[in-house]
Amino acid sequence: MNCSIEELRKIPEFAQVPQDQLDWLRLESNLLGYSKGDFLFKKGEPINNMYLMIEGRVEIKVEQNGQYRHIAFMEPDTIGGTLPYSRATIAQGYGEVIENCKVLAFAKAKFKELTQHYELTESLVHHMTSRVREFTKVNVQQEKMMALGKLSAGLAHELNNPSSAMRRSAIELKKNLSLYPEKFKTVMTMRLTEEQVDPVNETIFSRLESRPENKLSLMERTEQEDDLADWLEEKGVEDGYELAETLVDYCMGIETMEEVYDIIGERDFAGVAAWISNVLTTEKMVNEIEEASQRIEELVTSVKGYTHMDRAPEKTPADVHKGLDNTLIMLKHKLKKNSVEVIKDYCEDCPQPSLYVSEINQVWTNLIDNAIDAMENGGELTIRTYYDKDIFIEIKDTGHGIPEELIDQIFDPFFTTKAIGKGTGMGLEVSQRIIDQHNGRIQVSSSKDGTTFEICLPIA
């Protein structure tokens, strides 16, 4: 029993193949039946057949740490398995029958005879190139989405910190400004002389202009605030503890405030102290808003640099160090979470190679993210660059290393030791393809003390 010419004609690739060639294919093949739950092929088995799906449905999936990830379906009127001139020899995944199916199996051993049938061979080769193109497109996109997911999680966290700081400072600033009329009224009724106002003004504005850095430890700071608060309350200042925090921020301790007290006098000191604190608090809130907005601007600049979103997708001379630094900013949250210390050893005066910048940044993301994952309990990430005719980039971690029996597989499609949802198994395969696209090289060495990836990028 075999399939009919009409059934083969339903396969789009065979629409223009002469009938005598399809007859030959039909007679040289075996019609096989599979029940639901059977496997067309399993991971690790030799790929010995080309399959023409006549009826039914087969799910293609890969295994990751005991779980399965869906890749594609083989459905009626499609071609699967090995193809002429394909270099695949071993199945990387599983083909499980999910609907009873009828499959025409053509043995790989007969491919030499098949090549004597020009139109048939041509249609199958075209199918193979289309399959590779589609597979590459889908999986590169999937890997990009996975990388984007990693970066967006970290970026959201990094943006949340300054945006929350801005909101807190804005609320505090609004509250502080609402007190201005009352405090202004208090100061205006004091009738202070120029000899009193000028030195106090000079003290305040010298602090505002220079903003001396307070290098006190937490314990020292707390002690100084407590002492100042007690002193202020002794001098009749209400809310001494509230004022003390801001005054200590600007290095205005008991000694400085005693000078102000001696100038102003007992009667007006409380009002002036509150006014000074109010001015300094306003300055502090404005500075915090400025610093937070600057941090957001830096993050946005890093994102633009990382994605190269404002440039055409073409090779351009690029600073490798800038790309590495932008990637580290994108992954800062994860580095912090895993207690990973970054050590940078960049060469000076490195020339700028011509790169597809967003693609090469994807390589840095994959390698650095993998390194962080390998150091769950902390460690050191060393990034070293040097120039010797070409540019060399080393990314080294102090993680658990890659087992010797697995190191030859790490660039294979779908190979991963991560759980489903944490890795596609395409990161290193995509990275290798991107490096190849740049006519570069990527090598790996590993031991129980960690793993090192070395990338070589030509200047031209």
Protein backbone atom coordinates (compact mmCIF):
# COMPACT_ATOMS: atom_id res chain seq x y z
CA MET A 1 0.00 0.00 0.00
CA ASN A 2 1.30 3.49 -0.88
CA CYS A 3 0.02 7.04 -1.26
CA SER A 4 -1.33 8.44 -4.51
CA ILE A 5 0.12 11.08 -6.83
CA GLU A 6 -2.84 13.31 -5.90
CA GLU A 7 -1.83 13.17 -2.24
CA LEU A 8 1.76 14.15 -3.09
CA ARG A 9 0.53 17.00 -5.29
CA LYS A 10 -1.11 18.56 -2.24
CA ILE A 11 2.37 19.29 -0.89
CA PRO A 12 3.05 22.84 -2.22
CA GLU A 13 6.73 22.13 -2.95
CA PHE A 14 5.75 19.35 -5.40
CA ALA A 15 3.26 21.40 -7.43
CA GLN A 16 5.62 21.79 -10.43
CA VAL A 17 7.58 18.51 -10.11
CA PRO A 18 7.10 16.18 -13.16
CA GLN A 19 4.83 13.21 -12.51
CA ASP A 20 7.46 10.59 -13.35
CA GLN A 21 9.69 11.95 -10.59
CA LEU A 22 6.85 11.90 -8.06
CA ASP A 23 6.05 8.34 -9.15
CA TRP A 24 9.65 7.37 -8.49
CA LEU A 25 9.57 9.07 -5.05
CA ARG A 26 6.28 7.35 -4.19
CA LEU A 27 7.52 3.88 -5.16
CA GLU A 28 10.89 4.30 -3.39
CA SER A 29 9.25 5.39 -0.12
CA ASN A 30 7.46 3.52 2.66
CA LEU A 31 4.00 4.51 3.88
CA LEU A 32 4.01 4.29 7.66
CA GLY A 33 1.20 4.62 10.19
CA TYR A 34 1.65 6.05 13.70
CA SER A 35 -0.78 6.19 16.62
CA LYS A 36 -1.22 9.03 19.09
CA GLY A 37 1.61 8.91 21.65
CA ASP A 38 4.12 7.33 19.25
CA PHE A 39 7.34 9.14 18.37
CA LEU A 40 8.45 9.85 14.82
CA PHE A 41 11.91 10.50 16.24
CA LYS A 42 13.57 11.10 19.61
CA LYS A 43 16.44 13.26 20.78
CA GLY A 44 19.82 11.65 20.14
CA GLU A 45 18.57 9.26 17.46
CA PRO A 46 20.09 9.34 13.94
CA ILE A 47 17.97 11.21 11.40
CA ASN A 48 17.53 8.53 8.74
CA ASN A 49 14.40 9.61 6.86
CA MET A 50 12.70 12.44 5.08
CA TYR A 51 9.02 12.51 6.09
CA LEU A 52 6.11 13.58 3.91
CA MET A 53 3.04 14.14 6.09
CA ILE A 54 -0.10 12.74 4.46
CA GLU A 55 -2.48 12.70 7.45
CA GLY A 56 -2.39 13.54 11.15
CA ARG A 57 -0.29 15.84 13.31
CA VAL A 58 3.13 15.65 14.99
CA GLU A 59 4.45 18.06 17.63
CA ILE A 60 8.16 18.99 17.49
CA LYS A 61 9.52 19.84 20.94
CA VAL A 62 12.81 20.07 22.84
CA GLU A 63 13.62 19.07 26.40
CA GLN A 64 14.96 21.52 28.99
CA ASN A 65 15.70 20.17 32.48
CA GLY A 66 12.96 17.54 32.32
CA GLN A 67 10.38 19.92 30.81
CA TYR A 68 9.35 20.22 27.17
CA ARG A 69 9.17 23.36 25.05
CA HIS A 70 7.04 23.46 21.90
CA ILE A 71 8.87 24.32 18.67
CA ALA A 72 6.49 23.57 15.79
CA PHE A 73 3.86 21.21 14.34
CA MET A 74 4.20 18.89 11.36
CA GLU A 75 0.82 18.86 9.66
CA PRO A 76 -0.66 17.29 6.47
CA ASP A 77 1.05 18.33 3.22
CA THR A 78 4.30 19.33 4.92
CA ILE A 79 7.84 17.95 4.72
CA GLY A 80 9.96 17.06 7.77
CA GLY A 81 12.98 15.06 8.83
CA THR A 82 16.26 15.25 6.94
CA LEU A 83 16.63 16.75 3.45
CA PRO A 84 19.19 16.49 0.62
CA TYR A 85 22.45 18.30 1.48
CA SER A 86 21.34 18.85 5.06
CA ARG A 87 24.19 18.55 7.60
CA ALA A 88 21.91 17.45 10.43
CA THR A 89 22.65 13.88 11.50
CA ILE A 90 21.23 13.57 15.04
CA ALA A 91 17.77 14.66 16.24
CA GLN A 92 17.95 17.59 18.68
CA GLY A 93 14.37 17.14 19.88
CA TYR A 94 11.30 14.93 19.79
CA GLY A 95 8.58 14.38 17.21
CA GLU A 96 5.52 13.13 19.14
CA VAL A 97 2.37 12.04 17.31
CA ILE A 98 -0.61 13.93 18.75
CA GLU A 99 -3.12 12.77 16.09
CA ASN A 100 -2.98 9.38 14.35
CA CYS A 101 -0.95 9.97 11.23
CA LYS A 102 0.09 8.57 7.89
CA VAL A 103 3.64 9.41 6.79
CA LEU A 104 5.59 8.67 3.62
CA ALA A 105 9.17 7.93 4.72
CA PHE A 106 12.02 8.27 2.22
CA ALA A 107 15.36 6.81 3.38
CA LYS A 108 18.38 9.12 3.61
CA ALA A 109 20.46 6.31 2.07
CA LYS A 110 18.68 6.94 -1.27
CA PHE A 111 19.52 10.66 -1.48
CA LYS A 112 22.27 10.00 -4.03
CA GLU A 113 19.69 8.46 -6.39
CA LEU A 114 17.25 11.28 -5.64
CA THR A 115 19.74 13.88 -6.92
CA GLN A 116 19.38 12.33 -10.40
CA HIS A 117 15.85 13.82 -10.46
CA TYR A 118 16.58 17.50 -10.95
CA GLU A 119 13.19 19.17 -10.39
CA LEU A 120 12.43 17.00 -7.35
CA THR A 121 15.84 17.75 -5.78
CA GLU A 122 15.50 21.45 -6.58
CA SER A 123 12.10 21.65 -4.85
CA LEU A 124 13.47 19.94 -1.73
CA VAL A 125 16.58 22.16 -1.59
CA HIS A 126 14.37 25.25 -1.91
CA HIS A 127 12.26 23.90 0.93
CA MET A 128 15.36 23.37 3.07
CA THR A 129 16.63 26.93 2.55
CA SER A 130 13.16 28.31 3.35
CA ARG A 131 12.97 26.12 6.45
CA VAL A 132 16.39 27.29 7.66
CA ARG A 133 15.48 30.93 6.98
CA GLU A 134 12.16 30.68 8.82
CA PHE A 135 13.69 28.71 11.68
CA THR A 136 16.46 31.31 12.07
CA LYS A 137 14.03 34.21 11.90
CA VAL A 138 11.64 32.76 14.49
CA ASN A 139 14.33 31.67 16.92
CA VAL A 140 16.40 34.84 16.65
CA GLN A 141 13.22 36.81 17.33
CA GLN A 142 12.40 34.52 20.26
CA GLU A 143 15.90 34.99 21.66
CA LYS A 144 15.59 38.76 21.23
CA MET A 145 12.30 38.72 23.12
CA MET A 146 13.90 36.64 25.87
CA ALA A 147 16.80 39.12 26.09
CA LEU A 148 14.33 42.03 26.07
CA GLY A 149 12.43 40.39 28.92
CA LYS A 150 15.61 40.13 30.99
CA LEU A 151 16.55 43.73 30.29
CA SER A 152 13.07 45.19 30.80
CA ALA A 153 12.77 43.59 34.25
CA GLY A 154 16.07 45.14 35.33
CA LEU A 155 15.33 48.43 33.60
CA ALA A 156 11.90 48.70 35.27
CA HIS A 157 13.60 48.25 38.64
CA GLU A 158 16.32 50.78 37.84
CA LEU A 159 13.75 53.35 36.63
CA ASN A 160 11.50 52.76 39.62
CA ASN A 161 14.16 53.90 42.11
CA PRO A 162 14.75 57.41 40.69
CA SER A 163 11.10 57.91 39.74
CA SER A 164 10.02 57.02 43.29
CA ALA A 165 12.70 59.35 44.68
CA MET A 166 11.41 62.17 42.45
CA ARG A 167 7.85 61.63 43.65
CA ARG A 168 8.89 61.55 47.33
CA SER A 169 11.00 64.69 46.90
CA ALA A 170 8.22 66.51 45.02
CA ILE A 171 5.71 65.73 47.80
CA GLU A 172 8.21 66.88 50.44
CA LEU A 173 9.01 70.01 48.44
CA LYS A 174 5.33 70.89 48.11
CA LYS A 175 4.86 70.44 51.84
CA ASN A 176 7.94 72.54 52.55
CA LEU A 177 6.87 75.37 50.23
CA SER A 178 3.48 75.51 51.95
CA LEU A 179 5.32 76.56 55.13
CA TYR A 180 7.11 79.47 53.45
CA PRO A 181 4.45 82.19 54.03
CA GLU A 182 4.29 81.54 57.78
CA LYS A 183 8.07 81.32 58.18
CA PHE A 184 8.56 84.39 55.97
CA LYS A 185 6.10 86.31 58.18
CA THR A 186 8.04 85.25 61.27
CA VAL A 187 11.36 86.42 59.81
CA MET A 188 9.90 89.73 58.55
CA THR A 189 8.68 90.67 62.04
CA MET A 190 12.13 90.22 63.59
CA ARG A 191 13.57 93.58 62.51
CA LEU A 192 17.08 92.18 62.19
CA THR A 193 19.98 94.51 61.35
CA GLU A 194 22.31 94.10 58.35
CA GLU A 195 25.08 93.12 60.75
CA GLN A 196 22.92 90.16 61.82
CA VAL A 197 21.49 89.19 58.41
CA ASP A 198 24.70 89.25 56.33
CA PRO A 199 26.75 86.65 58.27
CA VAL A 200 23.75 84.31 58.53
CA ASN A 201 23.11 84.70 54.80
CA GLU A 202 26.78 84.02 54.09
CA THR A 203 26.67 80.86 56.21
CA ILE A 204 23.57 79.54 54.41
CA PHE A 205 24.68 80.32 50.87
CA SER A 206 28.21 79.05 51.38
CA ARG A 207 26.63 75.71 52.32
CA LEU A 208 24.29 75.83 49.30
CA GLU A 209 27.08 76.63 46.85
CA SER A 210 29.67 74.13 48.08
CA ARG A 211 27.35 71.47 49.60
CA PRO A 212 30.10 69.99 51.82
CA GLU A 213 30.12 66.20 51.77
CA ASN A 214 29.01 64.61 55.02
CA LYS A 215 31.29 61.59 55.51
CA LEU A 216 29.90 60.53 58.87
CA SER A 217 29.11 56.90 59.54
CA LEU A 218 25.48 56.05 60.35
CA MET A 219 26.30 55.84 64.07
CA GLU A 220 28.23 59.14 64.03
CA ARG A 221 25.49 60.87 62.11
CA THR A 222 22.77 59.65 64.48
CA GLU A 223 24.81 60.80 67.47
CA GLN A 224 25.39 64.25 65.92
CA GLU A 225 21.70 64.65 65.05
CA ASP A 226 20.66 63.69 68.61
CA ASP A 227 23.14 66.14 70.16
CA LEU A 228 22.06 68.96 67.83
CA ALA A 229 18.36 68.28 68.40
CA ASP A 230 18.84 68.40 72.19
CA TRP A 231 20.84 71.63 71.87
CA LEU A 232 18.17 73.25 69.62
CA GLU A 233 15.37 72.38 72.03
CA GLU A 234 17.40 73.83 74.91
CA LYS A 235 17.50 77.06 72.89
CA GLY A 236 13.70 77.06 72.56
CA VAL A 237 13.44 75.58 69.05
CA GLU A 238 10.39 73.37 68.56
CA ASP A 239 10.75 70.21 66.40
CA GLY A 240 14.49 70.23 67.03
CA TYR A 241 14.85 66.64 65.78
CA GLU A 242 13.15 67.50 62.48
CA LEU A 243 15.49 70.47 61.90
CA ALA A 244 18.61 68.58 63.02
CA GLU A 245 18.43 66.02 60.18
CA THR A 246 18.58 68.70 57.48
CA LEU A 247 21.18 70.85 59.28
CA VAL A 248 23.54 67.87 59.74
CA ASP A 249 23.06 67.03 56.02
CA TYR A 250 24.73 70.39 55.27
CA CYS A 251 27.41 70.01 57.99
CA MET A 252 25.78 72.63 60.23
CA GLY A 253 26.38 71.16 63.66
CA ILE A 254 26.25 72.67 67.14
CA GLU A 255 29.37 74.80 66.54
CA THR A 256 27.91 76.50 63.45
CA MET A 257 24.48 76.95 65.01
CA GLU A 258 26.09 78.49 68.14
CA GLU A 259 27.64 81.14 65.87
CA VAL A 260 24.17 81.87 64.42
CA TYR A 261 22.72 81.98 67.95
CA ASP A 262 25.36 84.48 69.07
CA ILE A 263 24.60 86.72 66.06
CA ILE A 264 20.77 86.55 66.19
CA GLY A 265 20.18 86.33 69.92
CA GLU A 266 17.81 84.31 72.04
CA ARG A 267 14.58 86.08 71.08
CA ASP A 268 14.72 85.46 67.30
CA PHE A 269 16.93 82.35 67.10
CA ALA A 270 14.07 79.78 66.88
CA GLY A 271 12.51 81.55 63.89
CA VAL A 272 15.84 81.95 62.09
CA ALA A 273 16.80 78.30 62.74
CA ALA A 274 13.45 77.17 61.27
CA TRP A 275 13.99 79.47 58.27
CA ILE A 276 17.51 78.12 57.67
CA SER A 277 16.23 74.54 57.84
CA ASN A 278 13.40 75.42 55.44
CA VAL A 279 15.79 76.91 52.87
CA LEU A 280 18.17 73.94 53.12
CA THR A 281 15.30 71.43 52.86
CA THR A 282 14.06 73.12 49.67
CA GLU A 283 17.56 72.96 48.22
CA LYS A 284 17.90 69.32 49.24
CA MET A 285 14.60 68.33 47.59
CA VAL A 286 15.46 70.20 44.37
CA ASN A 287 18.88 68.48 44.29
CA GLU A 288 17.30 65.06 44.80
CA ILE A 289 14.83 65.68 41.97
CA GLU A 290 17.70 66.82 39.73
CA GLU A 291 19.81 63.74 40.57
CA ALA A 292 16.87 61.37 40.01
CA SER A 293 15.98 62.94 36.66
CA GLN A 294 19.65 62.79 35.64
CA ARG A 295 19.69 59.08 36.52
CA ILE A 296 16.60 58.51 34.35
CA GLU A 297 18.25 60.45 31.51
CA GLU A 298 21.37 58.27 31.83
CA LEU A 299 19.25 55.11 31.69
CA VAL A 300 17.39 56.34 28.59
CA THR A 301 20.74 57.21 26.96
CA SER A 302 22.03 53.73 27.80
CA VAL A 303 18.94 52.11 26.30
CA LYS A 304 19.35 54.13 23.09
CA GLY A 305 23.04 53.22 22.96
CA TYR A 306 22.29 49.57 23.67
CA THR A 307 19.58 49.18 21.03
CA HIS A 308 21.14 51.67 18.58
CA MET A 309 17.51 52.72 18.09
CA ASP A 310 18.41 56.05 16.49
CA ARG A 311 20.65 54.53 13.80
CA ALA A 312 20.11 52.57 10.59
CA PRO A 313 20.69 48.80 10.87
CA GLU A 314 24.08 48.83 9.18
CA LYS A 315 27.70 48.39 10.21
CA THR A 316 29.17 51.46 11.84
CA PRO A 317 32.45 52.13 13.72
CA ALA A 318 31.56 51.52 17.36
CA ASP A 319 33.13 51.76 20.81
CA VAL A 320 33.13 48.20 22.19
CA HIS A 321 33.61 49.48 25.75
CA LYS A 322 30.52 51.68 25.49
CA GLY A 323 28.44 48.68 24.39
CA LEU A 324 29.75 46.58 27.28
CA ASP A 325 29.07 49.40 29.77
CA ASN A 326 25.53 49.95 28.46
CA THR A 327 24.85 46.22 28.82
CA LEU A 328 26.14 46.27 32.42
CA ILE A 329 23.77 49.17 33.16
CA MET A 330 20.87 47.21 31.69
CA LEU A 331 21.77 44.21 33.90
CA LYS A 332 22.68 46.24 37.00
CA HIS A 333 19.68 45.00 38.97
CA LYS A 334 20.57 41.36 38.34
CA LEU A 335 24.24 41.96 39.18
CA LYS A 336 23.17 43.52 42.48
CA LYS A 337 20.67 40.75 43.22
CA ASN A 338 23.32 38.02 42.78
CA SER A 339 26.00 40.03 44.64
CA VAL A 340 28.31 39.99 41.62
CA GLU A 341 31.28 42.36 41.62
CA VAL A 342 32.29 43.70 38.20
CA ILE A 343 35.97 44.15 37.39
CA LYS A 344 36.74 46.04 34.18
CA ASP A 345 40.17 45.85 32.56
CA TYR A 346 39.78 47.81 29.32
CA CYS A 347 42.64 48.49 26.95
CA GLU A 348 43.42 52.12 26.20
CA ASP A 349 43.17 53.61 22.71
CA CYS A 350 41.33 50.59 21.29
CA PRO A 351 40.36 51.18 17.64
CA GLN A 352 36.67 51.09 16.78
CA PRO A 353 35.65 48.05 14.69
CA SER A 354 32.72 48.21 12.26
CA LEU A 355 29.79 46.49 13.98
CA TYR A 356 26.09 45.83 13.77
CA VAL A 357 25.79 47.49 17.18
CA SER A 358 22.42 46.21 18.43
CA GLU A 359 23.34 42.65 17.36
CA ILE A 360 26.75 42.71 19.05
CA ASN A 361 25.13 44.12 22.20
CA GLN A 362 22.88 41.05 22.16
CA VAL A 363 26.05 38.93 22.35
CA TRP A 364 27.24 40.88 25.41
CA THR A 365 23.81 40.43 26.99
CA ASN A 366 23.77 36.66 26.43
CA LEU A 367 27.31 36.14 27.75
CA ILE A 368 27.05 38.46 30.76
CA ASP A 369 23.58 37.19 31.69
CA ASN A 370 24.82 33.57 31.57
CA ALA A 371 27.82 34.54 33.71
CA ILE A 372 25.55 36.15 36.33
CA ASP A 373 23.32 33.04 36.37
CA ALA A 374 26.41 30.91 37.03
CA MET A 375 27.15 32.98 40.17
CA GLU A 376 23.93 32.62 42.15
CA ASN A 377 25.80 33.01 45.44
CA GLY A 378 27.99 35.92 44.38
CA GLY A 379 31.31 36.15 42.63
CA GLU A 380 33.44 38.25 40.29
CA LEU A 381 32.69 39.11 36.68
CA THR A 382 35.86 40.23 34.89
CA ILE A 383 35.60 41.93 31.51
CA ARG A 384 38.96 42.42 29.80
CA THR A 385 39.75 43.86 26.39
CA TYR A 386 43.02 44.04 24.50
CA TYR A 387 44.19 44.89 21.00
CA ASP A 388 46.50 42.72 18.92
CA LYS A 389 45.73 43.38 15.23
CA ASP A 390 42.14 42.43 16.12
CA ILE A 391 40.13 43.37 19.22
CA PHE A 392 39.76 40.68 21.88
CA ILE A 393 37.07 40.68 24.57
CA GLU A 394 37.21 38.27 27.53
CA ILE A 395 34.17 37.73 29.76
CA LYS A 396 35.12 35.64 32.78
CA ASP A 397 33.03 34.48 35.73
CA THR A 398 33.85 32.66 38.97
CA GLY A 399 30.80 30.40 38.77
CA HIS A 400 30.43 26.63 38.91
CA GLY A 401 31.86 26.06 35.42
CA ILE A 402 30.54 23.95 32.53
CA PRO A 403 30.94 20.15 32.86
CA GLU A 404 33.56 18.81 30.46
CA GLU A 405 31.08 16.42 28.84
CA LEU A 406 28.73 19.34 27.98
CA ILE A 407 31.13 22.05 26.80
CA ASP A 408 31.12 20.84 23.17
CA GLN A 409 27.32 21.16 23.06
CA ILE A 410 26.83 24.71 24.36
CA PHE A 411 26.63 26.28 20.88
CA ASP A 412 24.09 23.67 19.67
CA PRO A 413 20.55 24.93 19.03
CA PHE A 414 18.20 24.36 22.00
CA PHE A 415 20.98 23.19 24.31
CA THR A 416 20.54 24.72 27.76
CA THR A 417 20.83 23.77 31.40
CA LYS A 418 18.26 26.40 32.40
CA ALA A 419 14.63 25.70 33.24
CA ILE A 420 11.77 26.45 30.81
CA GLY A 421 11.10 30.18 30.71
CA LYS A 422 14.65 31.08 31.80
CA GLY A 423 16.41 30.26 28.55
CA THR A 424 15.60 29.25 24.99
CA GLY A 425 18.78 27.28 24.40
CA MET A 426 19.40 29.61 21.44
CA GLY A 427 21.42 32.36 23.17
CA LEU A 428 24.89 31.02 22.49
CA GLU A 429 23.92 29.67 19.06
CA VAL A 430 22.61 33.13 18.11
CA SER A 431 25.73 34.74 19.63
CA GLN A 432 27.99 32.51 17.55
CA ARG A 433 26.02 33.36 14.41
CA ILE A 434 26.33 37.10 15.13
CA ILE A 435 30.09 36.78 15.70
CA ASP A 436 30.38 34.80 12.42
CA GLN A 437 28.44 37.60 10.73
CA HIS A 438 31.26 39.93 11.83
CA ASN A 439 33.94 37.47 10.58
CA GLY A 440 35.01 37.03 14.20
CA ARG A 441 35.60 34.08 16.52
CA ILE A 442 34.20 32.98 19.87
CA GLN A 443 35.94 30.44 22.12
CA VAL A 444 35.19 29.06 25.58
CA SER A 445 37.25 27.51 28.35
CA SER A 446 35.86 26.27 31.65
CA SER A 447 36.84 24.62 34.91
CA LYS A 448 35.38 24.21 38.39
CA ASP A 449 36.65 27.75 39.12
CA GLY A 450 34.62 29.42 36.39
CA THR A 451 34.13 30.00 32.68
CA THR A 452 35.80 32.36 30.20
CA PHE A 453 34.45 33.35 26.80
CA GLU A 454 36.88 35.05 24.42
CA ILE A 455 35.57 36.95 21.42
CA CYS A 456 37.79 38.18 18.60
CA LEU A 457 36.49 40.96 16.35
CA PRO A 458 38.41 42.14 13.27
CA ILE A 459 38.94 45.88 12.89
CA ALA A 460 38.04 46.01 9.20
